[in-house]
Amino acid sequence: MTLSVVIGIVKNEDGELFITRRHNTLHQGGLWEFAGGKVEHGERLNTALSRELREEIGIEVIAIMPLISFYHDYFDRQVRLHVFEITEFSGTAESKLGQGWFWVKPEDLKNYIFPAANRPILTALRLPPYYAILNDNNDDLLAELHRLLAQDIKLIQARLKNLTEQEARDFLTVAYPLCQAHGALLLVNSGTPQAIEMPSDGIHLTSQDLLALTNRPYGVRWLAASCHNLKELKHAEKIGVDFAVLSPVLATQTHPEFESMGWAVFSKLVVECNMPIYALGGLEKANLQTVKLAGGQGIAGIRTFC
């Protein structure tokens, strides 16, 4: 039997996250965690979340948004964790169970030790809602990059398959420091010549390159992958990909020959995976809430950010 657990990500006005420290006498005592707990039999997820956060940290939940849902297999039980961002609440958050607690900036979460089951949550919290794809068919790549950064896009993939190795390197030598200055992550598509040696924050694998790997490439900070079905998603999960892009969700102008999966299939595939997944294909920024409610991390796209 799978045990259901709800977890609430509570954020204050400064963007800091509320975390608590497990009592030393408990399983995995001394580690940090987010507030939440078990769902009682017959209880709705939102009801359980409200109850747990009221009991544990003294707040009243007003509005929530799904962040990620995934399985974790312990030695003696299988748990499904339903993680929500608390977008509105009343009251003052503080531990009601005698635990240590702290408000921490998202970028500082790496300085706190969490249980292994929290890894997908920590990854999802570090990832932004939009993932822009910078395609090399653009006449002025640098101008296009400036335009994306001006939109406050914090995650960008450079897809430079048609450039020579030197052309790609020349562009990325300028583009990577520019992204760093704007606090944006820059990944290089694996179809780029010598992609793994290029200046960047990581690699985005094509589905073909993904399936050719049996292990995560050594030394890659961020690893993403393009997926189109459950087989590819599960392989991405197996080799330790940080996040995936699943497509096509809706019909696209660029690839009208490909059949779109629709929201029902997208949601069903996301449920099967233990990593953040971006939706790609025929989407606009305005679709973000739909993606979130379907279990996705956010929106990926090329034309989306034009």
Protein backbone atom coordinates (compact mmCIF):
# COMPACT_ATOMS: atom_id res chain seq x y z
CA MET A 1 0.00 0.00 0.00
CA THR A 2 1.31 3.46 -0.93
CA LEU A 3 1.31 6.07 1.82
CA SER A 4 0.32 9.59 0.74
CA VAL A 5 2.18 12.57 2.21
CA VAL A 6 1.53 16.28 1.62
CA ILE A 7 4.28 18.89 1.83
CA GLY A 8 3.89 22.66 1.85
CA ILE A 9 6.51 25.07 0.54
CA VAL A 10 5.92 28.27 2.49
CA LYS A 11 7.56 31.45 1.22
CA ASN A 12 7.72 34.86 2.91
CA GLU A 13 7.67 38.33 1.34
CA ASP A 14 11.45 38.24 0.90
CA GLY A 15 11.26 35.01 -1.11
CA GLU A 16 12.72 32.92 1.72
CA LEU A 17 11.50 29.37 2.37
CA PHE A 18 10.39 28.00 5.74
CA ILE A 19 12.21 24.84 6.84
CA THR A 20 12.23 22.85 10.07
CA ARG A 21 14.72 20.45 11.63
CA ARG A 22 13.66 16.93 12.56
CA HIS A 23 14.01 15.94 16.22
CA ASN A 24 17.15 13.88 16.83
CA THR A 25 15.04 11.03 18.23
CA LEU A 26 13.09 10.62 14.96
CA HIS A 27 14.00 8.69 11.82
CA GLN A 28 16.58 10.79 9.95
CA GLY A 29 16.76 13.07 12.96
CA GLY A 30 18.76 16.25 12.63
CA LEU A 31 17.98 16.66 8.92
CA TRP A 32 16.02 19.61 7.58
CA GLU A 33 12.62 19.30 5.94
CA PHE A 34 9.57 21.21 4.72
CA ALA A 35 6.36 21.20 6.74
CA GLY A 36 3.79 18.50 6.01
CA GLY A 37 2.66 15.03 6.96
CA LYS A 38 0.54 11.98 6.24
CA VAL A 39 -2.82 12.12 4.50
CA GLU A 40 -5.48 10.41 6.59
CA HIS A 41 -7.78 7.80 5.06
CA GLY A 42 -10.42 9.46 2.87
CA GLU A 43 -8.90 12.91 3.37
CA ARG A 44 -8.49 15.29 0.43
CA LEU A 45 -4.97 16.50 -0.28
CA ASN A 46 -5.75 20.18 0.25
CA THR A 47 -7.56 19.40 3.51
CA ALA A 48 -4.61 17.35 4.75
CA LEU A 49 -2.18 20.09 3.78
CA SER A 50 -4.17 22.77 5.60
CA ARG A 51 -4.45 20.59 8.71
CA GLU A 52 -0.76 19.67 8.80
CA LEU A 53 0.46 23.24 8.33
CA ARG A 54 -1.94 24.53 10.96
CA GLU A 55 -0.76 21.91 13.45
CA GLU A 56 2.94 22.08 12.62
CA ILE A 57 3.70 25.73 11.91
CA GLY A 58 0.56 27.65 12.88
CA ILE A 59 -0.56 29.11 9.56
CA GLU A 60 -3.90 29.03 7.75
CA VAL A 61 -3.54 28.05 4.10
CA ILE A 62 -5.56 30.25 1.73
CA ALA A 63 -4.26 29.32 -1.75
CA ILE A 64 -1.95 26.63 -3.14
CA MET A 65 -0.37 25.58 -6.42
CA PRO A 66 1.09 22.12 -7.21
CA LEU A 67 4.89 22.03 -7.40
CA ILE A 68 5.73 18.36 -7.92
CA SER A 69 4.38 14.90 -7.08
CA PHE A 70 6.53 11.78 -6.98
CA TYR A 71 7.15 8.37 -5.43
CA HIS A 72 9.89 7.49 -2.98
CA ASP A 73 10.63 3.88 -2.11
CA TYR A 74 11.78 3.32 1.46
CA PHE A 75 12.90 -0.11 2.62
CA ASP A 76 9.63 -0.78 4.41
CA ARG A 77 7.11 1.35 2.53
CA GLN A 78 6.38 3.23 -0.68
CA VAL A 79 5.40 6.87 -0.30
CA ARG A 80 3.87 9.30 -2.75
CA LEU A 81 4.76 12.88 -1.90
CA HIS A 82 2.42 15.64 -3.07
CA VAL A 83 4.27 18.96 -2.87
CA PHE A 84 2.48 22.30 -3.05
CA GLU A 85 3.61 25.90 -3.06
CA ILE A 86 1.62 27.93 -0.55
CA THR A 87 0.82 31.02 -2.61
CA GLU A 88 -1.25 32.71 0.09
CA PHE A 89 -1.59 32.16 3.84
CA SER A 90 -2.42 33.97 7.06
CA GLY A 91 -0.68 33.84 10.39
CA THR A 92 2.98 33.74 11.40
CA ALA A 93 4.97 30.63 10.58
CA GLU A 94 6.88 29.07 13.48
CA SER A 95 7.34 25.53 14.70
CA LYS A 96 4.53 24.34 16.98
CA LEU A 97 6.26 20.99 17.63
CA GLY A 98 9.41 22.22 19.32
CA GLN A 99 11.55 21.82 16.19
CA GLY A 100 14.28 24.16 15.12
CA TRP A 101 13.13 26.33 12.22
CA PHE A 102 14.57 28.84 9.81
CA TRP A 103 13.78 31.05 6.82
CA VAL A 104 16.30 30.33 4.05
CA LYS A 105 16.91 31.73 0.59
CA PRO A 106 16.30 29.16 -2.20
CA GLU A 107 19.90 29.42 -3.40
CA ASP A 108 21.12 28.60 0.13
CA LEU A 109 19.17 25.33 0.47
CA LYS A 110 22.32 23.52 -0.64
CA ASN A 111 23.87 24.43 2.71
CA TYR A 112 21.27 22.37 4.60
CA ILE A 113 21.11 18.57 4.67
CA PHE A 114 17.70 17.17 3.68
CA PRO A 115 16.52 13.55 3.47
CA ALA A 116 17.26 11.83 0.15
CA ALA A 117 13.52 11.79 -0.61
CA ASN A 118 13.62 15.59 -0.88
CA ARG A 119 15.95 15.67 -3.88
CA PRO A 120 13.20 16.19 -6.52
CA ILE A 121 11.71 18.96 -4.37
CA LEU A 122 15.02 20.78 -4.04
CA THR A 123 15.57 20.50 -7.79
CA ALA A 124 12.08 21.82 -8.57
CA LEU A 125 12.61 24.78 -6.22
CA ARG A 126 15.82 25.74 -8.03
CA LEU A 127 14.17 25.67 -11.45
CA PRO A 128 12.22 28.64 -12.87
CA PRO A 129 8.80 28.38 -14.57
CA TYR A 130 10.07 29.14 -18.09
CA TYR A 131 12.72 27.39 -20.21
CA ALA A 132 13.57 29.26 -23.40
CA ILE A 133 15.17 27.53 -26.40
CA LEU A 134 17.59 29.67 -28.36
CA ASN A 135 17.70 28.22 -31.87
CA ASP A 136 20.60 28.73 -34.27
CA ASN A 137 18.28 29.50 -37.18
CA ASN A 138 17.99 32.99 -35.71
CA ASP A 139 19.82 35.67 -37.71
CA ASP A 140 21.25 37.36 -34.62
CA LEU A 141 21.69 34.92 -31.74
CA LEU A 142 23.20 37.47 -29.39
CA ALA A 143 20.36 39.95 -29.93
CA GLU A 144 17.86 37.13 -29.32
CA LEU A 145 19.65 36.19 -26.10
CA HIS A 146 19.50 39.80 -24.91
CA ARG A 147 15.76 39.81 -25.65
CA LEU A 148 15.21 36.64 -23.58
CA LEU A 149 17.21 37.99 -20.67
CA ALA A 150 15.23 41.22 -20.81
CA GLN A 151 12.11 39.11 -20.19
CA ASP A 152 13.78 37.83 -17.01
CA ILE A 153 14.07 34.29 -18.40
CA LYS A 154 16.33 32.38 -15.99
CA LEU A 155 16.80 29.08 -17.87
CA ILE A 156 17.95 28.97 -21.50
CA GLN A 157 18.98 26.19 -23.86
CA ALA A 158 21.39 27.04 -26.68
CA ARG A 159 20.53 24.72 -29.58
CA LEU A 160 23.44 25.24 -31.94
CA LYS A 161 23.34 22.11 -34.09
CA ASN A 162 24.03 23.92 -37.37
CA LEU A 163 27.05 25.89 -36.19
CA THR A 164 30.62 24.74 -36.47
CA GLU A 165 32.47 23.97 -33.26
CA GLN A 166 34.34 27.27 -33.47
CA GLU A 167 31.19 29.27 -34.20
CA ALA A 168 29.44 27.68 -31.23
CA ARG A 169 32.41 28.34 -28.95
CA ASP A 170 32.71 31.96 -30.08
CA PHE A 171 29.03 32.56 -29.33
CA LEU A 172 29.00 30.76 -25.97
CA THR A 173 32.18 32.52 -24.83
CA VAL A 174 30.13 35.72 -24.95
CA ALA A 175 26.72 34.27 -24.09
CA TYR A 176 27.66 32.34 -20.95
CA PRO A 177 29.11 35.28 -18.97
CA LEU A 178 26.12 37.35 -20.08
CA CYS A 179 23.72 34.75 -18.66
CA GLN A 180 25.73 34.55 -15.44
CA ALA A 181 25.51 38.34 -15.05
CA HIS A 182 21.70 38.06 -15.29
CA GLY A 183 21.47 35.09 -12.89
CA ALA A 184 20.33 32.78 -15.71
CA LEU A 185 21.37 29.18 -16.31
CA LEU A 186 22.61 28.32 -19.81
CA LEU A 187 22.49 24.73 -21.08
CA VAL A 188 23.93 23.57 -24.40
CA ASN A 189 22.05 21.11 -26.61
CA SER A 190 23.97 17.85 -27.05
CA GLY A 191 23.65 18.21 -30.83
CA THR A 192 26.09 21.11 -30.65
CA PRO A 193 29.62 20.06 -31.74
CA GLN A 194 31.70 19.21 -28.63
CA ALA A 195 28.80 20.34 -26.45
CA ILE A 196 30.23 18.95 -23.22
CA GLU A 197 33.37 21.06 -23.60
CA MET A 198 31.52 24.33 -24.20
CA PRO A 199 31.23 27.07 -21.55
CA SER A 200 27.83 26.51 -19.93
CA ASP A 201 25.97 25.34 -16.82
CA GLY A 202 25.17 21.96 -18.32
CA ILE A 203 23.89 19.84 -21.18
CA HIS A 204 20.46 19.30 -22.69
CA LEU A 205 20.31 15.84 -24.27
CA THR A 206 18.43 15.12 -27.46
CA SER A 207 16.21 12.04 -27.11
CA GLN A 208 18.64 10.11 -29.31
CA ASP A 209 21.66 11.06 -27.20
CA LEU A 210 19.67 10.34 -24.04
CA LEU A 211 18.93 6.75 -25.04
CA ALA A 212 22.55 6.19 -26.04
CA LEU A 213 23.72 6.87 -22.45
CA THR A 214 23.84 4.31 -19.65
CA ASN A 215 25.07 6.73 -16.98
CA ARG A 216 25.02 10.43 -16.22
CA PRO A 217 28.03 12.14 -17.83
CA TYR A 218 30.68 12.89 -15.23
CA GLY A 219 31.08 16.46 -14.08
CA VAL A 220 27.91 17.87 -15.68
CA ARG A 221 26.30 20.34 -13.27
CA TRP A 222 22.84 20.43 -14.86
CA LEU A 223 21.55 17.65 -17.12
CA ALA A 224 18.27 17.91 -19.01
CA ALA A 225 16.70 15.79 -21.74
CA SER A 226 14.09 15.95 -24.49
CA CYS A 227 11.47 13.21 -24.12
CA HIS A 228 8.37 12.19 -26.04
CA ASN A 229 7.12 9.07 -24.24
CA LEU A 230 7.32 7.10 -21.01
CA LYS A 231 10.26 4.99 -22.18
CA GLU A 232 12.42 8.08 -22.69
CA LEU A 233 11.25 9.66 -19.43
CA LYS A 234 12.08 6.53 -17.44
CA HIS A 235 15.51 6.28 -19.07
CA ALA A 236 16.16 9.93 -18.21
CA GLU A 237 15.20 9.21 -14.62
CA LYS A 238 17.40 6.10 -14.53
CA ILE A 239 20.60 7.90 -15.57
CA GLY A 240 19.98 10.82 -13.21
CA VAL A 241 18.70 13.61 -15.44
CA ASP A 242 17.78 16.68 -13.38
CA PHE A 243 14.72 17.59 -15.43
CA ALA A 244 13.04 16.72 -18.71
CA VAL A 245 11.10 18.46 -21.46
CA LEU A 246 8.06 16.51 -22.68
CA SER A 247 6.58 17.21 -26.12
CA PRO A 248 4.53 17.86 -28.11
CA VAL A 249 1.74 18.74 -25.70
CA LEU A 250 -0.27 20.79 -28.19
CA ALA A 251 -0.03 21.11 -31.98
CA THR A 252 2.83 23.30 -33.20
CA GLN A 253 3.46 25.40 -36.30
CA THR A 254 7.02 24.15 -36.60
CA HIS A 255 6.14 20.43 -36.51
CA PRO A 256 2.53 20.02 -37.67
CA GLU A 257 3.29 16.43 -38.71
CA PHE A 258 3.68 15.29 -35.09
CA GLU A 259 0.54 14.28 -33.18
CA SER A 260 0.11 16.20 -29.94
CA MET A 261 -0.48 14.28 -26.71
CA GLY A 262 -2.88 16.70 -25.02
CA TRP A 263 -3.14 17.55 -21.34
CA ALA A 264 -4.58 14.24 -20.16
CA VAL A 265 -1.64 12.23 -21.53
CA PHE A 266 0.88 14.84 -20.38
CA SER A 267 -0.48 14.67 -16.82
CA LYS A 268 -0.53 10.86 -16.86
CA LEU A 269 3.14 10.70 -17.95
CA VAL A 270 4.24 13.31 -15.41
CA VAL A 271 2.68 11.27 -12.59
CA GLU A 272 4.91 8.33 -13.54
CA CYS A 273 8.14 10.29 -13.07
CA ASN A 274 10.21 11.49 -10.13
CA MET A 275 11.69 14.63 -11.66
CA PRO A 276 10.51 18.08 -12.78
CA ILE A 277 9.08 18.12 -16.32
CA TYR A 278 8.54 21.09 -18.62
CA ALA A 279 5.76 21.09 -21.22
CA LEU A 280 6.74 21.93 -24.81
CA GLY A 281 4.67 22.41 -27.92
CA GLY A 282 2.12 25.05 -28.91
CA LEU A 283 2.16 26.81 -25.54
CA GLU A 284 2.08 30.43 -24.47
CA LYS A 285 3.15 32.02 -21.19
CA ALA A 286 -0.52 32.27 -20.27
CA ASN A 287 -0.67 28.45 -20.15
CA LEU A 288 1.56 28.28 -17.06
CA GLN A 289 -1.24 27.64 -14.57
CA THR A 290 -2.62 24.86 -16.80
CA VAL A 291 0.83 23.26 -16.89
CA LYS A 292 1.18 23.51 -13.12
CA LEU A 293 -2.23 21.97 -12.49
CA ALA A 294 -1.26 19.13 -14.83
CA GLY A 295 1.80 18.46 -12.66
CA GLY A 296 4.44 20.15 -14.80
CA GLN A 297 7.32 22.36 -13.69
CA GLY A 298 6.68 25.01 -16.33
CA ILE A 299 6.77 25.90 -20.02
CA ALA A 300 9.57 25.34 -22.54
CA GLY A 301 9.49 26.86 -25.97
CA ILE A 302 11.00 28.80 -28.86
CA ARG A 303 8.09 30.85 -30.22
CA THR A 304 6.62 31.06 -26.72
CA PHE A 305 9.01 33.85 -25.79
CA CYS A 306 9.02 35.75 -29.11
